[in-house]
Amino acid sequence: MQCKEAQSKFIPFINDELNQKELKEFLGHIHQCKDCHEEYGIYYTMIMGMRYLESDNNKTELKIDSEQRIREAEEYLLQYKILQCEKIILFVLLCIGLVLLL
């Protein structure tokens, strides 16, 4: 992923609108490119700050930590991979069970 493409994904990432493939590529680039990582942090802080100002400050707690958002996305990807592996294992076990029944 090139810097321009990663930068175009800042807002979709913040809004949790990236699919698993896009998310993996985005996070990979963010970890490798210091400039994009820093720029993402600025975007995140600015967007979350604007959301905070637009909300009822007493009732809405918004996360301002851009690094926490990255960690949450990485955890989501890990859970997604685990779920995919579980599905494959279940499918294999079902196939083995069917073969044994025949």
PDB file of N, CA and C in Angstrom:
ATOM      1  N   MET A   1       0.848  -1.170   0.000  1.00  0.00           N
ATOM      2  CA  MET A   1       0.000   0.000   0.000  1.00  0.00           C
ATOM      3  C   MET A   1       0.899   1.240   0.000  1.00  0.00           C
ATOM      4  N   GLN A   2       0.570   2.180  -0.836  1.00  0.00           N
ATOM      5  CA  GLN A   2       1.304   3.440  -0.925  1.00  0.00           C
ATOM      6  C   GLN A   2       0.747   4.441   0.098  1.00  0.00           C
ATOM      7  N   CYS A   3       1.531   5.454   0.381  1.00  0.00           N
ATOM      8  CA  CYS A   3       1.132   6.457   1.378  1.00  0.00           C
ATOM      9  C   CYS A   3      -0.200   7.123   1.034  1.00  0.00           C
ATOM     10  N   LYS A   4      -0.397   7.485  -0.235  1.00  0.00           N
ATOM     11  CA  LYS A   4      -1.645   8.167  -0.617  1.00  0.00           C
ATOM     12  C   LYS A   4      -2.856   7.292  -0.336  1.00  0.00           C
ATOM     13  N   GLU A   5      -2.728   6.004  -0.643  1.00  0.00           N
ATOM     14  CA  GLU A   5      -3.840   5.094  -0.399  1.00  0.00           C
ATOM     15  C   GLU A   5      -4.093   4.947   1.103  1.00  0.00           C
ATOM     16  N   ALA A   6      -3.009   4.823   1.879  1.00  0.00           N
ATOM     17  CA  ALA A   6      -3.158   4.719   3.333  1.00  0.00           C
ATOM     18  C   ALA A   6      -3.820   5.975   3.888  1.00  0.00           C
ATOM     19  N   GLN A   7      -3.397   7.134   3.403  1.00  0.00           N
ATOM     20  CA  GLN A   7      -3.962   8.391   3.884  1.00  0.00           C
ATOM     21  C   GLN A   7      -5.440   8.501   3.534  1.00  0.00           C
ATOM     22  N   SER A   8      -5.834   7.923   2.406  1.00  0.00           N
ATOM     23  CA  SER A   8      -7.253   7.957   2.031  1.00  0.00           C
ATOM     24  C   SER A   8      -8.086   7.026   2.910  1.00  0.00           C
ATOM     25  N   LYS A   9      -7.433   6.155   3.654  1.00  0.00           N
ATOM     26  CA  LYS A   9      -8.129   5.208   4.526  1.00  0.00           C
ATOM     27  C   LYS A   9      -8.221   5.693   5.979  1.00  0.00           C
ATOM     28  N   PHE A  10      -7.633   6.845   6.308  1.00  0.00           N
ATOM     29  CA  PHE A  10      -7.670   7.337   7.685  1.00  0.00           C
ATOM     30  C   PHE A  10      -9.097   7.432   8.208  1.00  0.00           C
ATOM     31  N   ILE A  11      -9.944   8.150   7.492  1.00  0.00           N
ATOM     32  CA  ILE A  11     -11.316   8.372   7.965  1.00  0.00           C
ATOM     33  C   ILE A  11     -12.124   7.072   7.951  1.00  0.00           C
ATOM     34  N   PRO A  12     -12.063   6.261   6.876  1.00  0.00           N
ATOM     35  CA  PRO A  12     -12.770   4.978   6.952  1.00  0.00           C
ATOM     36  C   PRO A  12     -12.282   4.099   8.111  1.00  0.00           C
ATOM     37  N   PHE A  13     -10.975   4.147   8.418  1.00  0.00           N
ATOM     38  CA  PHE A  13     -10.463   3.380   9.561  1.00  0.00           C
ATOM     39  C   PHE A  13     -11.048   3.910  10.861  1.00  0.00           C
ATOM     40  N   ILE A  14     -11.016   5.202  11.036  1.00  0.00           N
ATOM     41  CA  ILE A  14     -11.549   5.812  12.259  1.00  0.00           C
ATOM     42  C   ILE A  14     -13.034   5.501  12.410  1.00  0.00           C
ATOM     43  N   ASN A  15     -13.761   5.474  11.295  1.00  0.00           N
ATOM     44  CA  ASN A  15     -15.199   5.198  11.321  1.00  0.00           C
ATOM     45  C   ASN A  15     -15.516   3.697  11.299  1.00  0.00           C
ATOM     46  N   ASP A  16     -14.466   2.857  11.346  1.00  0.00           N
ATOM     47  CA  ASP A  16     -14.629   1.403  11.357  1.00  0.00           C
ATOM     48  C   ASP A  16     -15.355   0.915  10.100  1.00  0.00           C
ATOM     49  N   GLU A  17     -14.924   1.403   8.937  1.00  0.00           N
ATOM     50  CA  GLU A  17     -15.575   1.079   7.672  1.00  0.00           C
ATOM     51  C   GLU A  17     -14.698   0.239   6.738  1.00  0.00           C
ATOM     52  N   LEU A  18     -13.540  -0.220   7.203  1.00  0.00           N
ATOM     53  CA  LEU A  18     -12.658  -1.016   6.350  1.00  0.00           C
ATOM     54  C   LEU A  18     -12.976  -2.498   6.501  1.00  0.00           C
ATOM     55  N   ASN A  19     -12.926  -3.221   5.379  1.00  0.00           N
ATOM     56  CA  ASN A  19     -13.086  -4.671   5.480  1.00  0.00           C
ATOM     57  C   ASN A  19     -11.777  -5.276   5.986  1.00  0.00           C
ATOM     58  N   GLN A  20     -11.760  -6.579   6.214  1.00  0.00           N
ATOM     59  CA  GLN A  20     -10.596  -7.222   6.819  1.00  0.00           C
ATOM     60  C   GLN A  20      -9.338  -7.061   5.964  1.00  0.00           C
ATOM     61  N   LYS A  21      -9.458  -7.190   4.663  1.00  0.00           N
ATOM     62  CA  LYS A  21      -8.289  -7.056   3.786  1.00  0.00           C
ATOM     63  C   LYS A  21      -7.738  -5.632   3.830  1.00  0.00           C
ATOM     64  N   GLU A  22      -8.627  -4.656   3.696  1.00  0.00           N
ATOM     65  CA  GLU A  22      -8.208  -3.255   3.746  1.00  0.00           C
ATOM     66  C   GLU A  22      -7.586  -2.919   5.101  1.00  0.00           C
ATOM     67  N   LEU A  23      -8.185  -3.446   6.154  1.00  0.00           N
ATOM     68  CA  LEU A  23      -7.693  -3.184   7.503  1.00  0.00           C
ATOM     69  C   LEU A  23      -6.291  -3.751   7.691  1.00  0.00           C
ATOM     70  N   LYS A  24      -6.076  -4.966   7.232  1.00  0.00           N
ATOM     71  CA  LYS A  24      -4.759  -5.595   7.342  1.00  0.00           C
ATOM     72  C   LYS A  24      -3.712  -4.797   6.577  1.00  0.00           C
ATOM     73  N   GLU A  25      -4.031  -4.390   5.357  1.00  0.00           N
ATOM     74  CA  GLU A  25      -3.094  -3.607   4.550  1.00  0.00           C
ATOM     75  C   GLU A  25      -2.830  -2.242   5.185  1.00  0.00           C
ATOM     76  N   PHE A  26      -3.871  -1.608   5.680  1.00  0.00           N
ATOM     77  CA  PHE A  26      -3.735  -0.297   6.312  1.00  0.00           C
ATOM     78  C   PHE A  26      -2.837  -0.375   7.544  1.00  0.00           C
ATOM     79  N   LEU A  27      -3.111  -1.332   8.416  1.00  0.00           N
ATOM     80  CA  LEU A  27      -2.308  -1.468   9.635  1.00  0.00           C
ATOM     81  C   LEU A  27      -0.860  -1.819   9.307  1.00  0.00           C
ATOM     82  N   GLY A  28      -0.666  -2.656   8.290  1.00  0.00           N
ATOM     83  CA  GLY A  28       0.690  -2.988   7.868  1.00  0.00           C
ATOM     84  C   GLY A  28       1.449  -1.748   7.433  1.00  0.00           C
ATOM     85  N   HIS A  29       0.797  -0.901   6.664  1.00  0.00           N
ATOM     86  CA  HIS A  29       1.448   0.326   6.198  1.00  0.00           C
ATOM     87  C   HIS A  29       1.712   1.282   7.364  1.00  0.00           C
ATOM     88  N   ILE A  30       0.736   1.435   8.243  1.00  0.00           N
ATOM     89  CA  ILE A  30       0.873   2.345   9.379  1.00  0.00           C
ATOM     90  C   ILE A  30       2.055   1.938  10.266  1.00  0.00           C
ATOM     91  N   HIS A  31       2.262   0.631  10.408  1.00  0.00           N
ATOM     92  CA  HIS A  31       3.371   0.159  11.236  1.00  0.00           C
ATOM     93  C   HIS A  31       4.723   0.366  10.553  1.00  0.00           C
ATOM     94  N   GLN A  32       4.739   0.378   9.229  1.00  0.00           N
ATOM     95  CA  GLN A  32       6.000   0.508   8.499  1.00  0.00           C
ATOM     96  C   GLN A  32       6.359   1.944   8.152  1.00  0.00           C
ATOM     97  N   CYS A  33       5.366   2.796   8.025  1.00  0.00           N
ATOM     98  CA  CYS A  33       5.605   4.170   7.569  1.00  0.00           C
ATOM     99  C   CYS A  33       5.408   5.147   8.733  1.00  0.00           C
ATOM    100  N   LYS A  34       6.501   5.675   9.228  1.00  0.00           N
ATOM    101  CA  LYS A  34       6.451   6.595  10.371  1.00  0.00           C
ATOM    102  C   LYS A  34       5.640   7.851  10.037  1.00  0.00           C
ATOM    103  N   ASP A  35       5.814   8.376   8.820  1.00  0.00           N
ATOM    104  CA  ASP A  35       5.100   9.599   8.434  1.00  0.00           C
ATOM    105  C   ASP A  35       3.590   9.390   8.446  1.00  0.00           C
ATOM    106  N   CYS A  36       3.132   8.292   7.866  1.00  0.00           N
ATOM    107  CA  CYS A  36       1.690   8.022   7.839  1.00  0.00           C
ATOM    108  C   CYS A  36       1.160   7.741   9.240  1.00  0.00           C
ATOM    109  N   HIS A  37       1.971   7.073  10.062  1.00  0.00           N
ATOM    110  CA  HIS A  37       1.566   6.792  11.440  1.00  0.00           C
ATOM    111  C   HIS A  37       1.344   8.097  12.204  1.00  0.00           C
ATOM    112  N   GLU A  38       2.262   9.023  12.053  1.00  0.00           N
ATOM    113  CA  GLU A  38       2.135  10.317  12.726  1.00  0.00           C
ATOM    114  C   GLU A  38       0.950  11.100  12.175  1.00  0.00           C
ATOM    115  N   GLU A  39       0.785  11.091  10.854  1.00  0.00           N
ATOM    116  CA  GLU A  39      -0.325  11.825  10.253  1.00  0.00           C
ATOM    117  C   GLU A  39      -1.667  11.231  10.680  1.00  0.00           C
ATOM    118  N   TYR A  40      -1.725   9.892  10.763  1.00  0.00           N
ATOM    119  CA  TYR A  40      -2.944   9.241  11.248  1.00  0.00           C
ATOM    120  C   TYR A  40      -3.272   9.724  12.663  1.00  0.00           C
ATOM    121  N   GLY A  41      -2.257   9.796  13.528  1.00  0.00           N
ATOM    122  CA  GLY A  41      -2.476  10.254  14.902  1.00  0.00           C
ATOM    123  C   GLY A  41      -3.069  11.649  14.952  1.00  0.00           C
ATOM    124  N   ILE A  42      -2.598  12.513  14.068  1.00  0.00           N
ATOM    125  CA  ILE A  42      -3.125  13.882  14.002  1.00  0.00           C
ATOM    126  C   ILE A  42      -4.580  13.867  13.540  1.00  0.00           C
ATOM    127  N   TYR A  43      -4.856  13.115  12.466  1.00  0.00           N
ATOM    128  CA  TYR A  43      -6.239  13.005  11.968  1.00  0.00           C
ATOM    129  C   TYR A  43      -7.157  12.467  13.057  1.00  0.00           C
ATOM    130  N   TYR A  44      -6.725  11.404  13.709  1.00  0.00           N
ATOM    131  CA  TYR A  44      -7.560  10.771  14.728  1.00  0.00           C
ATOM    132  C   TYR A  44      -7.888  11.748  15.851  1.00  0.00           C
ATOM    133  N   THR A  45      -6.869  12.424  16.349  1.00  0.00           N
ATOM    134  CA  THR A  45      -7.077  13.369  17.445  1.00  0.00           C
ATOM    135  C   THR A  45      -8.006  14.503  17.022  1.00  0.00           C
ATOM    136  N   MET A  46      -7.810  15.003  15.808  1.00  0.00           N
ATOM    137  CA  MET A  46      -8.640  16.090  15.313  1.00  0.00           C
ATOM    138  C   MET A  46     -10.096  15.643  15.145  1.00  0.00           C
ATOM    139  N   ILE A  47     -10.307  14.501  14.524  1.00  0.00           N
ATOM    140  CA  ILE A  47     -11.672  14.023  14.279  1.00  0.00           C
ATOM    141  C   ILE A  47     -12.373  13.700  15.594  1.00  0.00           C
ATOM    142  N   MET A  48     -11.671  13.006  16.493  1.00  0.00           N
ATOM    143  CA  MET A  48     -12.306  12.655  17.759  1.00  0.00           C
ATOM    144  C   MET A  48     -12.549  13.909  18.610  1.00  0.00           C
ATOM    145  N   GLY A  49     -11.667  14.882  18.513  1.00  0.00           N
ATOM    146  CA  GLY A  49     -11.888  16.145  19.221  1.00  0.00           C
ATOM    147  C   GLY A  49     -13.122  16.866  18.703  1.00  0.00           C
ATOM    148  N   MET A  50     -13.294  16.883  17.371  1.00  0.00           N
ATOM    149  CA  MET A  50     -14.484  17.521  16.795  1.00  0.00           C
ATOM    150  C   MET A  50     -15.746  16.776  17.216  1.00  0.00           C
ATOM    151  N   ARG A  51     -15.694  15.443  17.229  1.00  0.00           N
ATOM    152  CA  ARG A  51     -16.857  14.660  17.660  1.00  0.00           C
ATOM    153  C   ARG A  51     -17.187  14.949  19.118  1.00  0.00           C
ATOM    154  N   TYR A  52     -16.160  15.098  19.923  1.00  0.00           N
ATOM    155  CA  TYR A  52     -16.378  15.398  21.337  1.00  0.00           C
ATOM    156  C   TYR A  52     -17.055  16.751  21.500  1.00  0.00           C
ATOM    157  N   LEU A  53     -16.568  17.749  20.743  1.00  0.00           N
ATOM    158  CA  LEU A  53     -17.150  19.088  20.836  1.00  0.00           C
ATOM    159  C   LEU A  53     -18.589  19.121  20.334  1.00  0.00           C
ATOM    160  N   GLU A  54     -18.901  18.278  19.337  1.00  0.00           N
ATOM    161  CA  GLU A  54     -20.255  18.235  18.787  1.00  0.00           C
ATOM    162  C   GLU A  54     -21.223  17.473  19.677  1.00  0.00           C
ATOM    163  N   SER A  55     -20.692  16.636  20.564  1.00  0.00           N
ATOM    164  CA  SER A  55     -21.558  15.805  21.401  1.00  0.00           C
ATOM    165  C   SER A  55     -21.906  16.536  22.695  1.00  0.00           C
ATOM    166  N   ASP A  56     -22.806  15.924  23.446  1.00  0.00           N
ATOM    167  CA  ASP A  56     -23.118  16.414  24.780  1.00  0.00           C
ATOM    168  C   ASP A  56     -21.981  15.941  25.684  1.00  0.00           C
ATOM    169  N   ASN A  57     -21.072  16.836  26.016  1.00  0.00           N
ATOM    170  CA  ASN A  57     -19.837  16.482  26.719  1.00  0.00           C
ATOM    171  C   ASN A  57     -20.068  15.712  28.013  1.00  0.00           C
ATOM    172  N   ASN A  58     -21.207  15.905  28.651  1.00  0.00           N
ATOM    173  CA  ASN A  58     -21.465  15.237  29.923  1.00  0.00           C
ATOM    174  C   ASN A  58     -21.941  13.800  29.748  1.00  0.00           C
ATOM    175  N   LYS A  59     -22.467  13.467  28.581  1.00  0.00           N
ATOM    176  CA  LYS A  59     -23.063  12.143  28.390  1.00  0.00           C
ATOM    177  C   LYS A  59     -22.243  11.243  27.481  1.00  0.00           C
ATOM    178  N   THR A  60     -21.391  11.785  26.683  1.00  0.00           N
ATOM    179  CA  THR A  60     -20.663  10.983  25.712  1.00  0.00           C
ATOM    180  C   THR A  60     -19.175  11.005  26.031  1.00  0.00           C
ATOM    181  N   GLU A  61     -18.616   9.809  26.161  1.00  0.00           N
ATOM    182  CA  GLU A  61     -17.174   9.695  26.369  1.00  0.00           C
ATOM    183  C   GLU A  61     -16.553   9.169  25.084  1.00  0.00           C
ATOM    184  N   LEU A  62     -15.718   9.967  24.461  1.00  0.00           N
ATOM    185  CA  LEU A  62     -15.078   9.569  23.216  1.00  0.00           C
ATOM    186  C   LEU A  62     -13.615   9.250  23.470  1.00  0.00           C
ATOM    187  N   LYS A  63     -13.136   8.225  22.801  1.00  0.00           N
ATOM    188  CA  LYS A  63     -11.731   7.857  22.932  1.00  0.00           C
ATOM    189  C   LYS A  63     -10.879   8.831  22.131  1.00  0.00           C
ATOM    190  N   ILE A  64      -9.831   9.332  22.738  1.00  0.00           N
ATOM    191  CA  ILE A  64      -8.941  10.266  22.062  1.00  0.00           C
ATOM    192  C   ILE A  64      -7.600   9.604  21.751  1.00  0.00           C
ATOM    193  N   ASP A  65      -7.388   8.367  22.163  1.00  0.00           N
ATOM    194  CA  ASP A  65      -6.119   7.683  22.006  1.00  0.00           C
ATOM    195  C   ASP A  65      -6.057   6.944  20.666  1.00  0.00           C
ATOM    196  N   SER A  66      -5.285   7.475  19.728  1.00  0.00           N
ATOM    197  CA  SER A  66      -5.178   6.869  18.402  1.00  0.00           C
ATOM    198  C   SER A  66      -4.475   5.515  18.453  1.00  0.00           C
ATOM    199  N   GLU A  67      -3.532   5.335  19.364  1.00  0.00           N
ATOM    200  CA  GLU A  67      -2.826   4.057  19.493  1.00  0.00           C
ATOM    201  C   GLU A  67      -3.762   2.964  20.009  1.00  0.00           C
ATOM    202  N   GLN A  68      -4.665   3.323  20.890  1.00  0.00           N
ATOM    203  CA  GLN A  68      -5.642   2.350  21.384  1.00  0.00           C
ATOM    204  C   GLN A  68      -6.532   1.873  20.248  1.00  0.00           C
ATOM    205  N   ARG A  69      -6.896   2.777  19.350  1.00  0.00           N
ATOM    206  CA  ARG A  69      -7.732   2.398  18.193  1.00  0.00           C
ATOM    207  C   ARG A  69      -6.989   1.400  17.315  1.00  0.00           C
ATOM    208  N   ILE A  70      -5.697   1.587  17.130  1.00  0.00           N
ATOM    209  CA  ILE A  70      -4.894   0.649  16.338  1.00  0.00           C
ATOM    210  C   ILE A  70      -4.849  -0.706  17.040  1.00  0.00           C
ATOM    211  N   ARG A  71      -4.625  -0.713  18.355  1.00  0.00           N
ATOM    212  CA  ARG A  71      -4.579  -1.974  19.099  1.00  0.00           C
ATOM    213  C   ARG A  71      -5.913  -2.717  19.021  1.00  0.00           C
ATOM    214  N   GLU A  72      -7.015  -1.978  19.102  1.00  0.00           N
ATOM    215  CA  GLU A  72      -8.334  -2.603  18.992  1.00  0.00           C
ATOM    216  C   GLU A  72      -8.537  -3.219  17.608  1.00  0.00           C
ATOM    217  N   ALA A  73      -8.067  -2.540  16.575  1.00  0.00           N
ATOM    218  CA  ALA A  73      -8.190  -3.068  15.217  1.00  0.00           C
ATOM    219  C   ALA A  73      -7.333  -4.325  15.053  1.00  0.00           C
ATOM    220  N   GLU A  74      -6.141  -4.326  15.636  1.00  0.00           N
ATOM    221  CA  GLU A  74      -5.284  -5.512  15.564  1.00  0.00           C
ATOM    222  C   GLU A  74      -5.922  -6.690  16.303  1.00  0.00           C
ATOM    223  N   GLU A  75      -6.536  -6.420  17.435  1.00  0.00           N
ATOM    224  CA  GLU A  75      -7.222  -7.468  18.188  1.00  0.00           C
ATOM    225  C   GLU A  75      -8.403  -8.010  17.376  1.00  0.00           C
ATOM    226  N   TYR A  76      -9.118  -7.129  16.711  1.00  0.00           N
ATOM    227  CA  TYR A  76     -10.231  -7.550  15.855  1.00  0.00           C
ATOM    228  C   TYR A  76      -9.734  -8.476  14.756  1.00  0.00           C
ATOM    229  N   LEU A  77      -8.622  -8.105  14.097  1.00  0.00           N
ATOM    230  CA  LEU A  77      -8.077  -8.954  13.042  1.00  0.00           C
ATOM    231  C   LEU A  77      -7.645 -10.311  13.585  1.00  0.00           C
ATOM    232  N   LEU A  78      -7.048 -10.336  14.751  1.00  0.00           N
ATOM    233  CA  LEU A  78      -6.643 -11.595  15.365  1.00  0.00           C
ATOM    234  C   LEU A  78      -7.859 -12.468  15.642  1.00  0.00           C
ATOM    235  N   GLN A  79      -8.906 -11.882  16.210  1.00  0.00           N
ATOM    236  CA  GLN A  79     -10.125 -12.637  16.481  1.00  0.00           C
ATOM    237  C   GLN A  79     -10.761 -13.146  15.186  1.00  0.00           C
ATOM    238  N   TYR A  80     -10.695 -12.347  14.137  1.00  0.00           N
ATOM    239  CA  TYR A  80     -11.234 -12.755  12.843  1.00  0.00           C
ATOM    240  C   TYR A  80     -10.461 -13.961  12.300  1.00  0.00           C
ATOM    241  N   LYS A  81      -9.127 -13.918  12.405  1.00  0.00           N
ATOM    242  CA  LYS A  81      -8.307 -15.039  11.945  1.00  0.00           C
ATOM    243  C   LYS A  81      -8.607 -16.301  12.746  1.00  0.00           C
ATOM    244  N   ILE A  82      -8.755 -16.160  14.053  1.00  0.00           N
ATOM    245  CA  ILE A  82      -9.074 -17.304  14.900  1.00  0.00           C
ATOM    246  C   ILE A  82     -10.417 -17.900  14.495  1.00  0.00           C
ATOM    247  N   LEU A  83     -11.403 -17.052  14.260  1.00  0.00           N
ATOM    248  CA  LEU A  83     -12.719 -17.518  13.839  1.00  0.00           C
ATOM    249  C   LEU A  83     -12.641 -18.257  12.509  1.00  0.00           C
ATOM    250  N   GLN A  84     -11.858 -17.735  11.573  1.00  0.00           N
ATOM    251  CA  GLN A  84     -11.705 -18.400  10.284  1.00  0.00           C
ATOM    252  C   GLN A  84     -11.055 -19.774  10.451  1.00  0.00           C
ATOM    253  N   CYS A  85     -10.041 -19.858  11.302  1.00  0.00           N
ATOM    254  CA  CYS A  85      -9.384 -21.149  11.571  1.00  0.00           C
ATOM    255  C   CYS A  85     -10.359 -22.124  12.214  1.00  0.00           C
ATOM    256  N   GLU A  86     -11.166 -21.643  13.139  1.00  0.00           N
ATOM    257  CA  GLU A  86     -12.159 -22.498  13.774  1.00  0.00           C
ATOM    258  C   GLU A  86     -13.165 -23.033  12.759  1.00  0.00           C
ATOM    259  N   LYS A  87     -13.566 -22.215  11.834  1.00  0.00           N
ATOM    260  CA  LYS A  87     -14.502 -22.654  10.796  1.00  0.00           C
ATOM    261  C   LYS A  87     -13.878 -23.736   9.926  1.00  0.00           C
ATOM    262  N   ILE A  88     -12.614 -23.558   9.565  1.00  0.00           N
ATOM    263  CA  ILE A  88     -11.926 -24.547   8.738  1.00  0.00           C
ATOM    264  C   ILE A  88     -11.792 -25.864   9.496  1.00  0.00           C
ATOM    265  N   ILE A  89     -11.401 -25.794  10.763  1.00  0.00           N
ATOM    266  CA  ILE A  89     -11.258 -27.006  11.571  1.00  0.00           C
ATOM    267  C   ILE A  89     -12.600 -27.718  11.703  1.00  0.00           C
ATOM    268  N   LEU A  90     -13.657 -26.975  11.946  1.00  0.00           N
ATOM    269  CA  LEU A  90     -14.988 -27.568  12.049  1.00  0.00           C
ATOM    270  C   LEU A  90     -15.385 -28.241  10.742  1.00  0.00           C
ATOM    271  N   PHE A  91     -15.119 -27.590   9.624  1.00  0.00           N
ATOM    272  CA  PHE A  91     -15.440 -28.173   8.324  1.00  0.00           C
ATOM    273  C   PHE A  91     -14.666 -29.468   8.104  1.00  0.00           C
ATOM    274  N   VAL A  92     -13.383 -29.480   8.437  1.00  0.00           N
ATOM    275  CA  VAL A  92     -12.562 -30.683   8.277  1.00  0.00           C
ATOM    276  C   VAL A  92     -13.094 -31.802   9.162  1.00  0.00           C
ATOM    277  N   LEU A  93     -13.437 -31.480  10.395  1.00  0.00           N
ATOM    278  CA  LEU A  93     -13.973 -32.491  11.298  1.00  0.00           C
ATOM    279  C   LEU A  93     -15.298 -33.056  10.793  1.00  0.00           C
ATOM    280  N   LEU A  94     -16.140 -32.207  10.243  1.00  0.00           N
ATOM    281  CA  LEU A  94     -17.402 -32.670   9.666  1.00  0.00           C
ATOM    282  C   LEU A  94     -17.157 -33.593   8.479  1.00  0.00           C
ATOM    283  N   CYS A  95     -16.186 -33.243   7.641  1.00  0.00           N
ATOM    284  CA  CYS A  95     -15.851 -34.095   6.492  1.00  0.00           C
ATOM    285  C   CYS A  95     -15.330 -35.451   6.960  1.00  0.00           C
ATOM    286  N   ILE A  96     -14.474 -35.430   7.957  1.00  0.00           N
ATOM    287  CA  ILE A  96     -13.944 -36.691   8.496  1.00  0.00           C
ATOM    288  C   ILE A  96     -15.076 -37.530   9.088  1.00  0.00           C
ATOM    289  N   GLY A  97     -15.971 -36.869   9.797  1.00  0.00           N
ATOM    290  CA  GLY A  97     -17.130 -37.589  10.370  1.00  0.00           C
ATOM    291  C   GLY A  97     -17.989 -38.207   9.302  1.00  0.00           C
ATOM    292  N   LEU A  98     -18.213 -37.496   8.220  1.00  0.00           N
ATOM    293  CA  LEU A  98     -19.022 -38.046   7.114  1.00  0.00           C
ATOM    294  C   LEU A  98     -18.326 -39.223   6.461  1.00  0.00           C
ATOM    295  N   VAL A  99     -17.026 -39.128   6.286  1.00  0.00           N
ATOM    296  CA  VAL A  99     -16.278 -40.246   5.684  1.00  0.00           C
ATOM    297  C   VAL A  99     -16.346 -41.468   6.602  1.00  0.00           C
ATOM    298  N   LEU A 100     -16.232 -41.286   7.885  1.00  0.00           N
ATOM    299  CA  LEU A 100     -16.277 -42.394   8.827  1.00  0.00           C
ATOM    300  C   LEU A 100     -17.661 -43.037   8.879  1.00  0.00           C
ATOM    301  N   LEU A 101     -18.707 -42.229   8.663  1.00  0.00           N
ATOM    302  CA  LEU A 101     -20.068 -42.775   8.650  1.00  0.00           C
ATOM    303  C   LEU A 101     -20.339 -43.607   7.416  1.00  0.00           C
ATOM    304  N   LEU A 102     -19.643 -43.329   6.333  1.00  0.00           N
ATOM    305  CA  LEU A 102     -19.850 -44.060   5.085  1.00  0.00           C
ATOM    306  C   LEU A 102     -19.049 -45.301   5.147  1.00  0.00           C
TER     307      LEU A 102
END
